[in-house]
Amino acid sequence: MIQKIYKAMFYLEDLREILRETTPDHRLDEGQKKKFKNILNNVKDTLDEEECQKIRYITDKIELRTREEDFINIDPIQVAGRLTPEARKALIAYGDGYSVCDYCFKPFRLDYIKKPPVQDFFSELSEFVGMDVARVVRGARNGFQIVSNALLEKGDIALVSSLAHYTLCLSIESIGAEWREIPLDENNIITKEKTAEKIEEVKNKSKKLPKLIAVSHFDYMFGNEHDVYGIGKVCEDYEIPFLYNGAYTVGVMPVDGKKIGADFVVGSGHKSMASPAPTGILATTDEFKDKVFAETKSKGDITGRQFGIKEMYLLGCTVMGAPLIAMMASFPKVKERVKNWEEEIKKSNFFLSEFLKIEGNKVSSEMPRKHTLTKVDTRDSFDKIAKKHKRRGYFLYEELSKRKITGIFPGSTREFKLNTYGLSWDQIKYLADAFKEIAEKYGIWVEDFG
């Protein structure tokens, strides 16, 4: 079915191209009329076909992607970035380069555009995360980069989680500042106590306080919840700016930056807001808005050129065209779906309760789960099979693929991450049964199964 839909859509794009070639009045010559009619007939024939001929490529070497239509996808970084129908339609209509700039007038800045309603969207974003001002940026990593540029100088120290994403560390390093790690407790959690201890350690050794503290609410390695509320209070006590990394929260669960005590909230559009890459958000308070969103003051020494009110750390306008519009198109559903977070957690915990019925399976993340991203340990189950199987570690990936499940890294049978976000209850049950069927097939005992 998806092949048929794609084939018809591609024919429709060919029709659209004829209209583009004949603007403004669309007077088609005889050759164009014939071509138009043939393509239209191809669309009808394709939709009427019982068996559609499979197409592999969109164009030379670019393969068709049907992962979301053909498989249950449990890829830890993909599932919450899956586009809504509205976003997919927006991509079709706004795919051309600077499409969002059709009605960009003075003062020539992205957040002032009213048609499409970018200005209103930015205002809604700040409200959505409980902050005063927000901008769309080029992924969460760009948010880290902007804050690092605005707050840090060479030789400064910033504290990050021992599970911090590499892009946060590189953002700090790129300024010439140093990043130091807050240690985990015995449960792989960053606590307020460990944060305060690290601040004191840095203070004693360097004779100065860290200039920034950045911690994820839920980390990307285990999907564990870290004490961001407690850390926010510690940062307030020491008067150190706090960056809340919501790459795995903003867009899937309710986030209120001010309640948390955050000075900056960073989110990922393509990871958690049903948006295409590269999109993200950076929100801040009135206290810091003039610092991180500082406007250019420079002037050319020969030409006298100035660049209006462009925000220098953002390099002016950030995300233009299709990615931004698709993010906007998804936003109404994103606002609604965060209200269903508890249901997503129930599904995650149900799946894991079934997964743990397979003898030898363990969960490396904290339990019960508070997030849909989970790290599991199958060294005493599937990895034992892999050691004897002719396909080695690839057997599990291939067995799942046969059952139309994808998203785990090929060859992984020791530890791997998965994410159940967005799956229906029927899909959750199918997923659990698939793992149990594979286990039983290879002689691993499964509680109450078969």
Protein backbone atom coordinates (compact mmCIF):
# COMPACT_ATOMS: atom_id res chain seq x y z
CA MET A 1 0.00 0.00 0.00
CA ILE A 2 2.73 2.50 0.87
CA GLN A 3 4.40 1.85 -2.48
CA LYS A 4 1.14 2.76 -4.22
CA ILE A 5 0.77 5.94 -2.17
CA TYR A 6 4.35 7.05 -2.81
CA LYS A 7 4.07 6.30 -6.53
CA ALA A 8 0.88 8.37 -6.82
CA MET A 9 2.42 11.21 -4.78
CA PHE A 10 5.47 11.31 -7.03
CA TYR A 11 3.27 11.49 -10.12
CA LEU A 12 1.39 14.38 -8.52
CA GLU A 13 4.70 16.17 -7.96
CA ASP A 14 5.41 15.76 -11.68
CA LEU A 15 2.06 17.46 -12.38
CA ARG A 16 3.00 20.22 -9.97
CA GLU A 17 6.25 20.76 -11.86
CA ILE A 18 4.33 21.43 -15.08
CA LEU A 19 2.37 24.14 -13.28
CA ARG A 20 5.62 25.69 -12.08
CA GLU A 21 7.00 25.65 -15.60
CA THR A 22 3.97 27.50 -16.98
CA THR A 23 3.40 30.29 -14.47
CA PRO A 24 1.71 32.73 -14.31
CA ASP A 25 -1.23 31.75 -16.54
CA HIS A 26 -0.60 27.99 -16.95
CA ARG A 27 -1.06 28.02 -20.72
CA LEU A 28 0.14 24.57 -21.68
CA ASP A 29 1.39 23.82 -25.16
CA GLU A 30 0.32 20.60 -26.87
CA GLY A 31 3.30 18.66 -25.56
CA GLN A 32 2.67 19.80 -22.00
CA LYS A 33 -1.05 19.02 -22.27
CA LYS A 34 -0.27 15.51 -23.45
CA LYS A 35 2.29 15.04 -20.67
CA PHE A 36 -0.16 16.37 -18.08
CA LYS A 37 -2.89 13.99 -19.26
CA ASN A 38 -0.55 10.99 -19.27
CA ILE A 39 0.65 11.72 -15.74
CA LEU A 40 -2.93 12.16 -14.54
CA ASN A 41 -3.84 8.79 -16.06
CA ASN A 42 -0.81 7.26 -14.34
CA VAL A 43 -2.10 8.55 -11.00
CA LYS A 44 -5.51 6.98 -11.59
CA ASP A 45 -4.01 3.70 -12.80
CA THR A 46 -1.68 3.52 -9.81
CA LEU A 47 -4.51 3.99 -7.33
CA ASP A 48 -6.61 1.37 -9.14
CA GLU A 49 -3.83 -1.23 -9.22
CA GLU A 50 -4.29 -4.23 -6.96
CA GLU A 51 -0.58 -5.03 -7.02
CA CYS A 52 1.67 -1.99 -7.38
CA GLN A 53 5.11 -2.45 -8.89
CA LYS A 54 7.62 -1.75 -6.14
CA ILE A 55 9.83 1.31 -6.43
CA ARG A 56 13.12 1.42 -4.58
CA TYR A 57 14.49 4.88 -5.30
CA ILE A 58 13.09 8.40 -5.18
CA THR A 59 15.88 9.41 -7.51
CA ASP A 60 19.39 8.17 -8.23
CA LYS A 61 20.85 6.46 -5.12
CA ILE A 62 18.28 7.97 -2.72
CA GLU A 63 16.19 5.07 -1.48
CA LEU A 64 12.55 5.26 -0.55
CA ARG A 65 12.05 5.34 3.23
CA THR A 66 9.13 3.25 4.44
CA ARG A 67 10.28 2.46 7.98
CA GLU A 68 7.37 4.22 9.66
CA GLU A 69 4.75 2.69 7.35
CA ASP A 70 6.07 -0.88 7.22
CA PHE A 71 7.54 -1.42 10.70
CA ILE A 72 7.01 -0.86 14.39
CA ASN A 73 9.92 1.49 15.05
CA ILE A 74 11.50 1.47 18.52
CA ASP A 75 14.60 3.49 17.64
CA PRO A 76 15.43 5.53 20.78
CA ILE A 77 16.08 8.79 18.91
CA GLN A 78 13.44 8.56 16.16
CA VAL A 79 10.05 7.75 17.62
CA ALA A 80 9.06 11.12 19.13
CA GLY A 81 10.32 12.95 16.04
CA ARG A 82 7.90 11.01 13.82
CA LEU A 83 6.00 13.64 11.84
CA THR A 84 2.29 14.31 12.13
CA PRO A 85 0.23 14.26 8.89
CA GLU A 86 0.05 18.04 9.14
CA ALA A 87 3.85 18.32 9.22
CA ARG A 88 4.21 16.03 6.22
CA LYS A 89 1.76 18.18 4.27
CA ALA A 90 3.67 21.30 5.32
CA LEU A 91 6.88 19.81 3.91
CA ILE A 92 5.21 19.40 0.53
CA ALA A 93 3.94 22.97 0.42
CA TYR A 94 6.97 24.73 1.96
CA GLY A 95 9.85 22.61 0.69
CA ASP A 96 11.47 25.40 -1.34
CA GLY A 97 14.54 27.03 0.25
CA TYR A 98 13.56 30.28 1.94
CA SER A 99 9.81 29.63 1.65
CA VAL A 100 9.06 31.09 5.06
CA CYS A 101 10.51 34.44 3.93
CA ASP A 102 7.75 35.30 1.41
CA TYR A 103 6.37 37.97 3.72
CA CYS A 104 9.44 38.96 5.69
CA PHE A 105 9.41 42.74 6.04
CA LYS A 106 11.11 45.22 8.37
CA PRO A 107 12.78 44.65 10.77
CA PHE A 108 13.75 41.54 8.73
CA ARG A 109 13.94 38.97 11.49
CA LEU A 110 12.42 35.50 11.70
CA ASP A 111 10.51 36.04 14.93
CA TYR A 112 8.73 39.07 13.43
CA ILE A 113 7.17 37.17 10.50
CA LYS A 114 3.37 37.18 10.76
CA LYS A 115 2.49 35.22 7.61
CA PRO A 116 2.88 32.31 8.19
CA PRO A 117 2.39 33.03 11.93
CA VAL A 118 5.97 32.53 13.10
CA GLN A 119 5.76 35.39 15.59
CA ASP A 120 2.74 33.84 17.31
CA PHE A 121 4.39 30.41 17.29
CA PHE A 122 7.48 31.69 19.10
CA SER A 123 5.25 33.27 21.72
CA GLU A 124 3.34 29.98 22.17
CA LEU A 125 6.62 28.09 22.51
CA SER A 126 7.78 30.15 25.48
CA GLU A 127 4.42 29.63 27.19
CA PHE A 128 4.56 25.90 26.38
CA VAL A 129 7.77 25.45 28.40
CA GLY A 130 6.95 27.99 31.11
CA MET A 131 9.52 30.60 30.13
CA ASP A 132 9.41 34.24 28.94
CA VAL A 133 11.06 34.18 25.51
CA ALA A 134 11.77 31.40 23.01
CA ARG A 135 13.48 30.91 19.67
CA VAL A 136 13.58 28.00 17.25
CA VAL A 137 17.19 26.89 16.77
CA ARG A 138 19.07 24.34 14.67
CA GLY A 139 18.59 21.42 17.05
CA ALA A 140 19.25 21.19 20.79
CA ARG A 141 22.99 21.29 20.11
CA ASN A 142 22.62 24.78 18.66
CA GLY A 143 20.81 25.82 21.84
CA PHE A 144 23.79 24.61 23.89
CA GLN A 145 26.12 26.47 21.56
CA ILE A 146 24.19 29.75 21.83
CA VAL A 147 24.12 29.67 25.64
CA SER A 148 27.80 28.73 25.81
CA ASN A 149 28.72 31.60 23.50
CA ALA A 150 26.68 34.08 25.50
CA LEU A 151 27.74 33.07 29.02
CA LEU A 152 31.20 31.53 28.86
CA GLU A 153 34.68 32.83 28.20
CA LYS A 154 38.01 31.10 27.76
CA GLY A 155 39.08 29.44 31.00
CA ASP A 156 35.60 29.36 32.53
CA ILE A 157 34.27 26.12 33.98
CA ALA A 158 30.84 24.64 33.30
CA LEU A 159 29.37 21.61 35.04
CA VAL A 160 27.60 18.88 33.09
CA SER A 161 26.16 15.48 33.91
CA SER A 162 28.42 12.43 33.70
CA LEU A 163 25.85 11.30 31.12
CA ALA A 164 25.90 14.58 29.17
CA HIS A 165 25.51 14.44 25.41
CA TYR A 166 28.73 15.06 23.53
CA THR A 167 27.30 18.14 21.77
CA LEU A 168 26.94 19.94 25.09
CA CYS A 169 30.56 19.23 25.95
CA LEU A 170 31.77 20.34 22.52
CA SER A 171 29.75 23.55 22.78
CA ILE A 172 31.56 24.42 26.00
CA GLU A 173 34.95 23.39 24.64
CA SER A 174 34.49 25.44 21.46
CA ILE A 175 34.52 28.63 23.54
CA GLY A 176 37.77 27.66 25.22
CA ALA A 177 35.93 26.89 28.45
CA GLU A 178 36.25 23.63 30.40
CA TRP A 179 33.52 21.13 31.21
CA ARG A 180 33.61 19.13 34.42
CA GLU A 181 31.36 16.19 35.23
CA ILE A 182 28.91 15.85 38.10
CA PRO A 183 29.22 12.23 39.29
CA LEU A 184 26.31 9.80 39.27
CA ASP A 185 25.01 8.17 42.42
CA GLU A 186 24.80 4.39 42.77
CA ASN A 187 21.55 4.39 40.76
CA ASN A 188 23.00 6.35 37.81
CA ILE A 189 21.18 9.51 38.90
CA ILE A 190 22.46 13.09 39.14
CA THR A 191 21.31 14.44 42.51
CA LYS A 192 21.28 17.89 44.07
CA GLU A 193 23.77 16.66 46.68
CA LYS A 194 26.28 15.48 44.06
CA THR A 195 25.82 18.78 42.22
CA ALA A 196 26.52 20.85 45.33
CA GLU A 197 29.58 18.72 46.13
CA LYS A 198 30.96 19.27 42.63
CA ILE A 199 30.42 23.01 42.86
CA GLU A 200 32.39 23.06 46.12
CA GLU A 201 35.14 20.93 44.58
CA VAL A 202 35.52 23.34 41.64
CA LYS A 203 35.38 26.32 43.98
CA ASN A 204 38.12 24.91 46.21
CA LYS A 205 40.42 23.88 43.37
CA SER A 206 40.00 26.83 41.00
CA LYS A 207 39.02 29.54 43.49
CA LYS A 208 35.99 30.37 41.36
CA LEU A 209 32.46 29.12 40.82
CA PRO A 210 31.29 27.36 37.66
CA LYS A 211 29.73 29.81 35.18
CA LEU A 212 27.03 27.39 34.01
CA ILE A 213 25.41 24.12 35.08
CA ALA A 214 23.69 22.01 32.42
CA VAL A 215 21.81 18.80 33.21
CA SER A 216 19.35 16.63 31.28
CA HIS A 217 15.99 15.90 32.86
CA PHE A 218 16.16 12.42 31.30
CA ASP A 219 19.48 11.27 29.88
CA TYR A 220 20.02 9.59 26.53
CA MET A 221 21.95 6.58 27.90
CA PHE A 222 19.47 5.14 30.40
CA GLY A 223 16.45 7.40 30.15
CA ASN A 224 16.77 7.94 33.91
CA GLU A 225 15.17 10.93 35.61
CA HIS A 226 17.60 13.33 37.26
CA ASP A 227 16.79 15.68 40.12
CA VAL A 228 16.39 18.83 38.04
CA TYR A 229 14.14 20.50 40.61
CA GLY A 230 16.72 19.98 43.34
CA ILE A 231 19.56 21.01 41.03
CA GLY A 232 17.62 24.13 40.09
CA LYS A 233 17.45 25.08 43.78
CA VAL A 234 21.20 24.44 44.22
CA CYS A 235 21.95 26.68 41.23
CA GLU A 236 19.74 29.39 42.69
CA ASP A 237 21.54 29.18 46.04
CA TYR A 238 24.94 29.53 44.36
CA GLU A 239 23.64 32.07 41.80
CA ILE A 240 24.85 29.93 38.89
CA PRO A 241 22.77 29.89 35.68
CA PHE A 242 21.04 26.55 35.09
CA LEU A 243 20.47 25.06 31.63
CA TYR A 244 17.72 22.44 31.60
CA ASN A 245 18.31 19.96 28.78
CA GLY A 246 14.87 18.84 27.66
CA ALA A 247 15.91 17.01 24.49
CA TYR A 248 13.95 13.97 25.68
CA THR A 249 11.14 15.82 27.47
CA VAL A 250 10.02 18.98 25.66
CA GLY A 251 7.29 17.78 23.31
CA VAL A 252 6.46 14.50 25.03
CA MET A 253 5.79 15.46 28.65
CA PRO A 254 4.80 18.67 30.46
CA VAL A 255 7.75 20.99 31.14
CA ASP A 256 7.63 24.20 33.19
CA GLY A 257 11.06 25.79 33.18
CA LYS A 258 10.40 28.36 35.87
CA LYS A 259 8.96 25.77 38.27
CA ILE A 260 12.07 23.68 37.71
CA GLY A 261 14.26 26.70 38.41
CA ALA A 262 15.82 26.78 34.95
CA ASP A 263 17.32 29.87 33.39
CA PHE A 264 17.42 28.16 29.99
CA VAL A 265 15.29 25.40 28.51
CA VAL A 266 16.65 23.56 25.48
CA GLY A 267 14.49 21.15 23.48
CA SER A 268 14.89 19.06 20.34
CA GLY A 269 12.33 19.33 17.56
CA HIS A 270 13.50 16.31 15.61
CA LYS A 271 13.88 14.17 18.73
CA SER A 272 10.75 15.02 20.70
CA MET A 273 8.50 17.51 18.89
CA ALA A 274 7.36 15.63 15.77
CA SER A 275 9.56 17.83 13.61
CA PRO A 276 12.14 17.34 10.86
CA ALA A 277 15.82 17.97 11.51
CA PRO A 278 17.47 20.26 12.29
CA THR A 279 15.03 21.87 14.70
CA GLY A 280 15.12 22.68 18.38
CA ILE A 281 14.09 25.35 20.84
CA LEU A 282 15.91 27.64 23.24
CA ALA A 283 13.81 29.43 25.84
CA THR A 284 14.92 31.75 28.60
CA THR A 285 13.72 34.26 31.17
CA ASP A 286 13.49 38.03 30.99
CA GLU A 287 16.65 38.14 33.09
CA PHE A 288 18.77 36.47 30.41
CA LYS A 289 16.96 37.29 27.16
CA ASP A 290 19.07 40.35 26.35
CA LYS A 291 22.24 38.35 26.93
CA VAL A 292 21.55 35.20 24.91
CA PHE A 293 19.49 36.98 22.27
CA ALA A 294 21.79 40.00 22.12
CA GLU A 295 21.42 42.14 19.01
CA THR A 296 24.35 43.13 16.83
CA LYS A 297 26.02 46.46 17.55
CA SER A 298 28.89 46.29 15.06
CA LYS A 299 29.47 48.61 12.11
CA GLY A 300 31.63 48.23 9.02
CA ASP A 301 34.76 50.39 9.17
CA ILE A 302 34.73 51.03 5.39
CA THR A 303 31.10 50.69 4.33
CA GLY A 304 29.45 51.67 7.58
CA ARG A 305 27.22 48.64 7.20
CA GLN A 306 25.05 47.57 10.11
CA PHE A 307 22.78 44.56 10.41
CA GLY A 308 19.69 45.91 12.08
CA ILE A 309 18.42 43.90 15.01
CA LYS A 310 19.91 40.53 14.05
CA GLU A 311 20.64 38.38 17.11
CA MET A 312 24.36 37.72 16.94
CA TYR A 313 24.68 34.41 18.84
CA LEU A 314 21.90 32.99 16.67
CA LEU A 315 23.69 34.29 13.54
CA GLY A 316 20.52 36.14 12.65
CA CYS A 317 17.68 33.95 11.46
CA THR A 318 17.98 30.28 12.37
CA VAL A 319 15.60 27.71 10.86
CA MET A 320 13.93 28.87 7.68
CA GLY A 321 11.60 27.08 5.29
CA ALA A 322 10.23 23.56 5.54
CA PRO A 323 11.66 22.41 8.91
CA LEU A 324 10.21 25.41 10.75
CA ILE A 325 6.81 25.23 9.07
CA ALA A 326 6.57 21.49 9.70
CA MET A 327 7.42 22.10 13.36
CA MET A 328 4.64 24.69 13.51
CA ALA A 329 2.20 22.35 11.78
CA SER A 330 2.85 19.60 14.35
CA PHE A 331 2.64 21.92 17.34
CA PRO A 332 -1.13 21.72 18.07
CA LYS A 333 -0.88 17.93 18.37
CA VAL A 334 2.38 18.17 20.33
CA LYS A 335 0.65 20.44 22.86
CA GLU A 336 -2.09 17.87 23.26
CA ARG A 337 0.07 14.78 23.41
CA VAL A 338 2.07 15.91 26.45
CA LYS A 339 -1.16 15.48 28.43
CA ASN A 340 -0.99 11.74 27.70
CA TRP A 341 2.48 11.19 29.14
CA GLU A 342 1.27 9.00 32.02
CA GLU A 343 -0.39 6.66 29.52
CA GLU A 344 2.89 6.40 27.60
CA ILE A 345 4.65 5.45 30.85
CA LYS A 346 2.04 2.76 31.56
CA LYS A 347 2.69 1.25 28.13
CA SER A 348 6.45 1.36 28.67
CA ASN A 349 6.17 -0.40 32.02
CA PHE A 350 3.74 -2.98 30.65
CA PHE A 351 6.11 -3.84 27.81
CA LEU A 352 9.04 -4.21 30.21
CA SER A 353 7.03 -6.39 32.59
CA GLU A 354 6.48 -8.74 29.64
CA PHE A 355 10.08 -8.40 28.43
CA LEU A 356 11.32 -9.43 31.88
CA LYS A 357 9.37 -12.68 31.65
CA ILE A 358 12.15 -13.84 29.33
CA GLU A 359 14.71 -15.63 31.48
CA GLY A 360 17.96 -13.67 31.70
CA ASN A 361 16.54 -10.34 30.53
CA LYS A 362 17.28 -7.33 32.72
CA VAL A 363 16.59 -3.59 32.65
CA SER A 364 19.62 -1.34 33.13
CA SER A 365 17.50 1.79 33.60
CA GLU A 366 15.75 2.76 36.82
CA MET A 367 12.53 0.86 37.56
CA PRO A 368 9.64 1.36 37.43
CA ARG A 369 10.13 3.43 34.31
CA LYS A 370 9.40 7.13 34.25
CA HIS A 371 10.26 7.45 30.55
CA THR A 372 9.65 5.51 27.36
CA LEU A 373 13.37 5.32 26.50
CA THR A 374 14.94 2.32 28.24
CA LYS A 375 18.26 0.50 28.24
CA VAL A 376 17.97 -3.27 28.51
CA ASP A 377 20.53 -5.98 29.24
CA THR A 378 20.21 -9.28 27.36
CA ARG A 379 23.66 -10.73 28.01
CA ASP A 380 22.13 -13.67 29.88
CA SER A 381 19.51 -14.35 27.22
CA PHE A 382 19.83 -13.31 23.59
CA ASP A 383 23.59 -12.82 23.74
CA LYS A 384 24.03 -16.46 24.77
CA ILE A 385 22.18 -17.45 21.58
CA ALA A 386 24.27 -15.00 19.53
CA LYS A 387 27.51 -16.69 20.60
CA LYS A 388 26.36 -19.95 18.99
CA HIS A 389 24.28 -18.60 16.09
CA LYS A 390 25.80 -18.53 12.60
CA ARG A 391 24.63 -14.90 12.23
CA ARG A 392 26.09 -14.03 15.65
CA GLY A 393 24.61 -10.83 17.07
CA TYR A 394 22.69 -10.06 13.90
CA PHE A 395 20.22 -12.87 14.54
CA LEU A 396 18.07 -10.77 16.91
CA TYR A 397 17.87 -7.82 14.53
CA GLU A 398 16.91 -10.18 11.71
CA GLU A 399 14.31 -12.03 13.76
CA LEU A 400 12.73 -8.72 14.74
CA SER A 401 12.83 -7.53 11.12
CA LYS A 402 10.94 -10.65 10.02
CA ARG A 403 8.23 -9.58 12.45
CA LYS A 404 8.25 -6.03 11.05
CA ILE A 405 10.00 -4.49 14.06
CA THR A 406 12.97 -2.18 13.64
CA GLY A 407 15.02 0.31 15.61
CA ILE A 408 17.58 -1.68 17.58
CA PHE A 409 21.16 -1.44 16.37
CA PRO A 410 22.10 -4.36 14.08
CA GLY A 411 24.34 -6.80 15.94
CA SER A 412 23.27 -5.72 19.43
CA THR A 413 22.51 -8.60 21.77
CA ARG A 414 24.34 -7.53 24.94
CA GLU A 415 22.80 -4.17 25.83
CA PHE A 416 20.65 -1.93 23.70
CA LYS A 417 18.22 0.95 23.98
CA LEU A 418 14.63 1.06 22.78
CA ASN A 419 11.81 3.56 22.94
CA THR A 420 8.10 2.67 22.98
CA TYR A 421 6.81 6.25 22.63
CA GLY A 422 3.76 6.65 20.43
CA LEU A 423 2.91 2.96 20.08
CA SER A 424 -0.69 1.87 20.53
CA TRP A 425 -1.58 -0.77 23.11
CA ASP A 426 -1.98 -3.32 20.31
CA GLN A 427 1.49 -2.49 19.02
CA ILE A 428 2.95 -2.69 22.54
CA LYS A 429 1.47 -6.17 23.02
CA TYR A 430 2.67 -7.27 19.59
CA LEU A 431 6.17 -6.01 20.41
CA ALA A 432 6.26 -7.87 23.72
CA ASP A 433 5.00 -11.08 22.11
CA ALA A 434 7.61 -10.80 19.35
CA PHE A 435 10.49 -10.78 21.84
CA LYS A 436 8.93 -13.70 23.71
CA GLU A 437 8.39 -15.68 20.49
CA ILE A 438 12.04 -15.21 19.51
CA ALA A 439 13.18 -16.29 22.97
CA GLU A 440 11.00 -19.40 22.89
CA LYS A 441 12.17 -20.25 19.37
CA TYR A 442 15.76 -20.45 20.61
CA GLY A 443 14.99 -22.35 23.78
CA ILE A 444 15.00 -19.52 26.31
CA TRP A 445 12.42 -20.05 29.04
CA VAL A 446 9.56 -17.53 29.05
CA GLU A 447 7.19 -17.22 31.99
CA ASP A 448 3.50 -17.89 31.18
CA PHE A 449 3.99 -18.03 27.42
CA GLY A 450 3.20 -20.50 24.68
